[in-house]
């Protein structure tokens, strides 16, 4: 089974900036994905504060294959 969300774009500094929901085909910016996570649409993901920027992250479960990337 494919990962639910895939990173599609990174900034020059390496921050994830674009995402694709592989189940629905929706493309999202970082801000849109953060909002969707906060609204409960992606229960297997959470939001971290990285240097003052809300950043999506997959919930840890011991499986390397389903991390954002």
C-alpha atoms as a PDB file:
ATOM      1  CA  UNK A   1       0.000   0.000   0.000  1.00  0.00           C
ATOM      2  CA  UNK A   2       1.415   3.449  -0.868  1.00  0.00           C
ATOM      3  CA  UNK A   3       2.095   6.063   1.764  1.00  0.00           C
ATOM      4  CA  UNK A   4      -0.941   8.260   2.396  1.00  0.00           C
ATOM      5  CA  UNK A   5       0.959  11.535   1.885  1.00  0.00           C
ATOM      6  CA  UNK A   6       4.048  12.183  -0.178  1.00  0.00           C
ATOM      7  CA  UNK A   7       6.288  15.243  -0.176  1.00  0.00           C
ATOM      8  CA  UNK A   8       6.272  16.769  -3.672  1.00  0.00           C
ATOM      9  CA  UNK A   9       8.305  19.943  -3.161  1.00  0.00           C
ATOM     10  CA  UNK A  10      11.056  21.181  -0.853  1.00  0.00           C
ATOM     11  CA  UNK A  11      12.445  24.663  -0.278  1.00  0.00           C
ATOM     12  CA  UNK A  12      16.107  25.416  -0.947  1.00  0.00           C
ATOM     13  CA  UNK A  13      16.765  24.851   2.765  1.00  0.00           C
ATOM     14  CA  UNK A  14      15.159  21.395   2.609  1.00  0.00           C
ATOM     15  CA  UNK A  15      11.883  22.200   4.366  1.00  0.00           C
ATOM     16  CA  UNK A  16       8.940  20.202   3.014  1.00  0.00           C
ATOM     17  CA  UNK A  17       6.709  22.670   1.151  1.00  0.00           C
ATOM     18  CA  UNK A  18       4.346  20.662  -1.065  1.00  0.00           C
ATOM     19  CA  UNK A  19       2.402  17.485  -0.362  1.00  0.00           C
ATOM     20  CA  UNK A  20       0.181  15.058  -2.273  1.00  0.00           C
ATOM     21  CA  UNK A  21      -2.508  12.874  -0.741  1.00  0.00           C
ATOM     22  CA  UNK A  22      -2.003   9.611  -2.645  1.00  0.00           C
ATOM     23  CA  UNK A  23      -5.516   8.397  -1.806  1.00  0.00           C
ATOM     24  CA  UNK A  24      -7.439  11.456  -3.054  1.00  0.00           C
ATOM     25  CA  UNK A  25      -4.913  13.021  -5.435  1.00  0.00           C
ATOM     26  CA  UNK A  26      -5.157  16.379  -3.629  1.00  0.00           C
ATOM     27  CA  UNK A  27      -2.094  18.641  -3.783  1.00  0.00           C
ATOM     28  CA  UNK A  28      -1.463  20.783  -0.688  1.00  0.00           C
ATOM     29  CA  UNK A  29       0.938  23.455   0.476  1.00  0.00           C
ATOM     30  CA  UNK A  30       2.574  23.068   3.872  1.00  0.00           C
ATOM     31  CA  UNK A  31       0.030  25.471   5.408  1.00  0.00           C
ATOM     32  CA  UNK A  32      -2.911  23.602   3.866  1.00  0.00           C
ATOM     33  CA  UNK A  33      -1.605  20.251   5.110  1.00  0.00           C
ATOM     34  CA  UNK A  34      -1.024  21.672   8.604  1.00  0.00           C
ATOM     35  CA  UNK A  35      -4.610  22.989   8.670  1.00  0.00           C
ATOM     36  CA  UNK A  36      -5.964  19.603   7.529  1.00  0.00           C
ATOM     37  CA  UNK A  37      -3.992  17.795  10.245  1.00  0.00           C
ATOM     38  CA  UNK A  38      -5.213  20.253  12.891  1.00  0.00           C
ATOM     39  CA  UNK A  39      -8.797  19.706  11.657  1.00  0.00           C
ATOM     40  CA  UNK A  40      -8.414  15.948  12.227  1.00  0.00           C
ATOM     41  CA  UNK A  41      -8.398  14.946   8.555  1.00  0.00           C
ATOM     42  CA  UNK A  42      -5.084  13.063   8.866  1.00  0.00           C
ATOM     43  CA  UNK A  43      -5.078  11.136  12.169  1.00  0.00           C
ATOM     44  CA  UNK A  44      -1.711   9.484  11.479  1.00  0.00           C
ATOM     45  CA  UNK A  45       0.070  12.851  11.303  1.00  0.00           C
ATOM     46  CA  UNK A  46       0.782  15.645  13.774  1.00  0.00           C
ATOM     47  CA  UNK A  47       2.153  19.186  13.669  1.00  0.00           C
ATOM     48  CA  UNK A  48       5.517  20.135  15.143  1.00  0.00           C
ATOM     49  CA  UNK A  49       6.915  23.591  15.778  1.00  0.00           C
ATOM     50  CA  UNK A  50      10.273  23.731  13.974  1.00  0.00           C
ATOM     51  CA  UNK A  51      12.038  27.058  14.437  1.00  0.00           C
ATOM     52  CA  UNK A  52       8.688  28.794  14.847  1.00  0.00           C
ATOM     53  CA  UNK A  53       7.144  27.210  11.729  1.00  0.00           C
ATOM     54  CA  UNK A  54       4.281  24.716  11.939  1.00  0.00           C
ATOM     55  CA  UNK A  55       5.592  21.577  10.249  1.00  0.00           C
ATOM     56  CA  UNK A  56       3.695  18.362   9.358  1.00  0.00           C
ATOM     57  CA  UNK A  57       5.138  15.070  10.597  1.00  0.00           C
ATOM     58  CA  UNK A  58       3.976  11.477  10.481  1.00  0.00           C
ATOM     59  CA  UNK A  59       3.237   9.860  13.836  1.00  0.00           C
ATOM     60  CA  UNK A  60       6.051   7.565  14.980  1.00  0.00           C
ATOM     61  CA  UNK A  61       5.256   3.877  14.810  1.00  0.00           C
ATOM     62  CA  UNK A  62       8.626   2.172  14.326  1.00  0.00           C
ATOM     63  CA  UNK A  63       8.223   1.796  10.550  1.00  0.00           C
ATOM     64  CA  UNK A  64      10.711   3.744   8.441  1.00  0.00           C
ATOM     65  CA  UNK A  65       8.758   3.182   5.205  1.00  0.00           C
ATOM     66  CA  UNK A  66       5.844   5.455   6.089  1.00  0.00           C
ATOM     67  CA  UNK A  67       7.701   8.615   7.112  1.00  0.00           C
ATOM     68  CA  UNK A  68       7.138  11.802   5.132  1.00  0.00           C
ATOM     69  CA  UNK A  69       9.763  12.123   2.475  1.00  0.00           C
END
